C-alpha atoms as a PDB file:
ATOM      1  CA  MET A   1       0.195   0.009  -0.044  1.00  0.00           C
ATOM      2  CA  VAL A   2       1.278   3.526  -0.919  1.00  0.00           C
ATOM      3  CA  SER A   3       1.355   6.169   1.962  1.00  0.00           C
ATOM      4  CA  VAL A   4      -0.341   9.252   1.856  1.00  0.00           C
ATOM      5  CA  GLU A   5       3.026  11.274   2.363  1.00  0.00           C
ATOM      6  CA  ASP A   6       4.573   9.177  -0.834  1.00  0.00           C
ATOM      7  CA  ARG A   7       1.460  10.204  -2.920  1.00  0.00           C
ATOM      8  CA  ILE A   8       2.218  13.768  -2.020  1.00  0.00           C
ATOM      9  CA  ALA A   9       5.743  13.679  -2.797  1.00  0.00           C
ATOM     10  CA  VAL A  10       5.138  12.353  -6.155  1.00  0.00           C
ATOM     11  CA  ALA A  11       2.255  14.874  -6.719  1.00  0.00           C
ATOM     12  CA  ALA A  12       4.951  17.588  -5.891  1.00  0.00           C
ATOM     13  CA  ALA A  13       7.005  16.054  -8.577  1.00  0.00           C
ATOM     14  CA  ALA A  14       4.233  16.413 -11.085  1.00  0.00           C
ATOM     15  CA  VAL A  15       3.952  19.944 -10.511  1.00  0.00           C
ATOM     16  CA  PHE A  16       7.545  20.298 -11.418  1.00  0.00           C
ATOM     17  CA  VAL A  17       6.833  18.263 -14.498  1.00  0.00           C
ATOM     18  CA  SER A  18       3.965  20.609 -15.515  1.00  0.00           C
ATOM     19  CA  LEU A  19       6.262  23.480 -14.762  1.00  0.00           C
ATOM     20  CA  THR A  20       8.989  22.131 -17.028  1.00  0.00           C
ATOM     21  CA  GLY A  21       6.430  21.673 -19.931  1.00  0.00           C
ATOM     22  CA  VAL A  22       5.323  25.305 -19.399  1.00  0.00           C
ATOM     23  CA  ALA A  23       8.810  26.430 -19.754  1.00  0.00           C
ATOM     24  CA  ALA A  24       9.290  24.327 -22.724  1.00  0.00           C
ATOM     25  CA  ALA A  25       6.064  25.712 -24.415  1.00  0.00           C
ATOM     26  CA  ILE A  26       7.345  28.984 -23.883  1.00  0.00           C
ATOM     27  CA  HIS A  27      10.777  28.189 -25.244  1.00  0.00           C
ATOM     28  CA  VAL A  28       9.016  26.759 -28.469  1.00  0.00           C
ATOM     29  CA  LEU A  29       6.914  29.847 -28.774  1.00  0.00           C
ATOM     30  CA  MET A  30      10.147  32.139 -28.323  1.00  0.00           C
ATOM     31  CA  PHE A  31      12.552  30.438 -30.605  1.00  0.00           C
ATOM     32  CA  ASP A  32      10.142  28.786 -33.067  1.00  0.00           C
ATOM     33  CA  GLN A  33      11.132  25.280 -32.651  1.00  0.00           C
ATOM     34  CA  SER A  34       7.747  23.522 -33.361  1.00  0.00           C
ATOM     35  CA  SER A  35       9.373  20.128 -33.359  1.00  0.00           C
ATOM     36  CA  ALA A  36       9.517  20.309 -29.452  1.00  0.00           C
ATOM     37  CA  ASN A  37       5.955  21.795 -28.903  1.00  0.00           C
ATOM     38  CA  ARG A  38       4.373  18.259 -28.523  1.00  0.00           C
ATOM     39  CA  TYR A  39       6.721  17.466 -25.880  1.00  0.00           C
ATOM     40  CA  GLY A  40       5.991  20.635 -23.820  1.00  0.00           C
ATOM     41  CA  GLU A  41       2.153  20.058 -24.195  1.00  0.00           C
ATOM     42  CA  ALA A  42       2.503  16.345 -23.014  1.00  0.00           C
ATOM     43  CA  ALA A  43       4.630  17.286 -20.188  1.00  0.00           C
ATOM     44  CA  ILE A  44       1.895  19.804 -18.990  1.00  0.00           C
ATOM     45  CA  MET A  45      -0.981  17.178 -19.345  1.00  0.00           C
ATOM     46  CA  ILE A  46       1.044  14.343 -17.553  1.00  0.00           C
ATOM     47  CA  GLY A  47       1.918  16.921 -14.607  1.00  0.00           C
ATOM     48  CA  VAL A  48      -1.806  18.307 -14.106  1.00  0.00           C
ATOM     49  CA  VAL A  49      -3.220  14.828 -14.450  1.00  0.00           C
ATOM     50  CA  GLY A  50      -0.633  13.267 -12.060  1.00  0.00           C
ATOM     51  CA  PHE A  51      -1.380  15.944  -9.668  1.00  0.00           C
ATOM     52  CA  ALA A  52      -4.940  15.744  -9.540  1.00  0.00           C
ATOM     53  CA  VAL A  53      -5.077  11.777  -9.600  1.00  0.00           C
ATOM     54  CA  LEU A  54      -2.513  11.652  -6.761  1.00  0.00           C
ATOM     55  CA  LEU A  55      -3.964  14.053  -4.418  1.00  0.00           C
ATOM     56  CA  ASN A  56      -7.625  12.471  -4.507  1.00  0.00           C
ATOM     57  CA  LEU A  57      -8.451  10.578  -1.255  1.00  0.00           C
ATOM     58  CA  THR A  58      -9.145   6.784  -1.480  1.00  0.00           C
ATOM     59  CA  PRO A  59     -11.247   4.714   0.942  1.00  0.00           C
ATOM     60  CA  LYS A  60      -7.780   3.098   2.008  1.00  0.00           C
ATOM     61  CA  ASP A  61      -6.567   6.445   3.167  1.00  0.00           C
ATOM     62  CA  GLY A  62      -8.085   6.215   6.535  1.00  0.00           C
ATOM     63  CA  ARG A  63      -9.377   9.583   6.205  1.00  0.00           C
ATOM     64  CA  ALA A  64     -11.896   9.098   3.611  1.00  0.00           C
ATOM     65  CA  LYS A  65     -14.384   7.477   5.820  1.00  0.00           C
ATOM     66  CA  ARG A  66     -18.045   8.033   5.446  1.00  0.00           C
ATOM     67  CA  GLY A  67     -19.097  11.388   7.158  1.00  0.00           C
ATOM     68  CA  THR A  68     -15.704  12.811   7.719  1.00  0.00           C
ATOM     69  CA  LEU A  69     -15.375  14.933   4.637  1.00  0.00           C
ATOM     70  CA  ARG A  70     -18.064  17.548   4.580  1.00  0.00           C
ATOM     71  CA  MET A  71     -18.376  20.516   2.205  1.00  0.00           C
ATOM     72  CA  ALA A  72     -18.303  23.984   4.147  1.00  0.00           C
END
């Protein structure tokens, strides 16, 4: 079983992957290197999806029991 702390660490790494993708996309726009555009876009998508998936609570986390998570 993967602990919550491990998932948070991997989610933080996913944020940095997404930021690298943004930097690559900006670099492509500045220097007109269209061949690297797909890699920047892919890094952004992988980073954002990875961040969102890894920070969702699951029933195995122990904190996502019924009635404990309420909307304010």
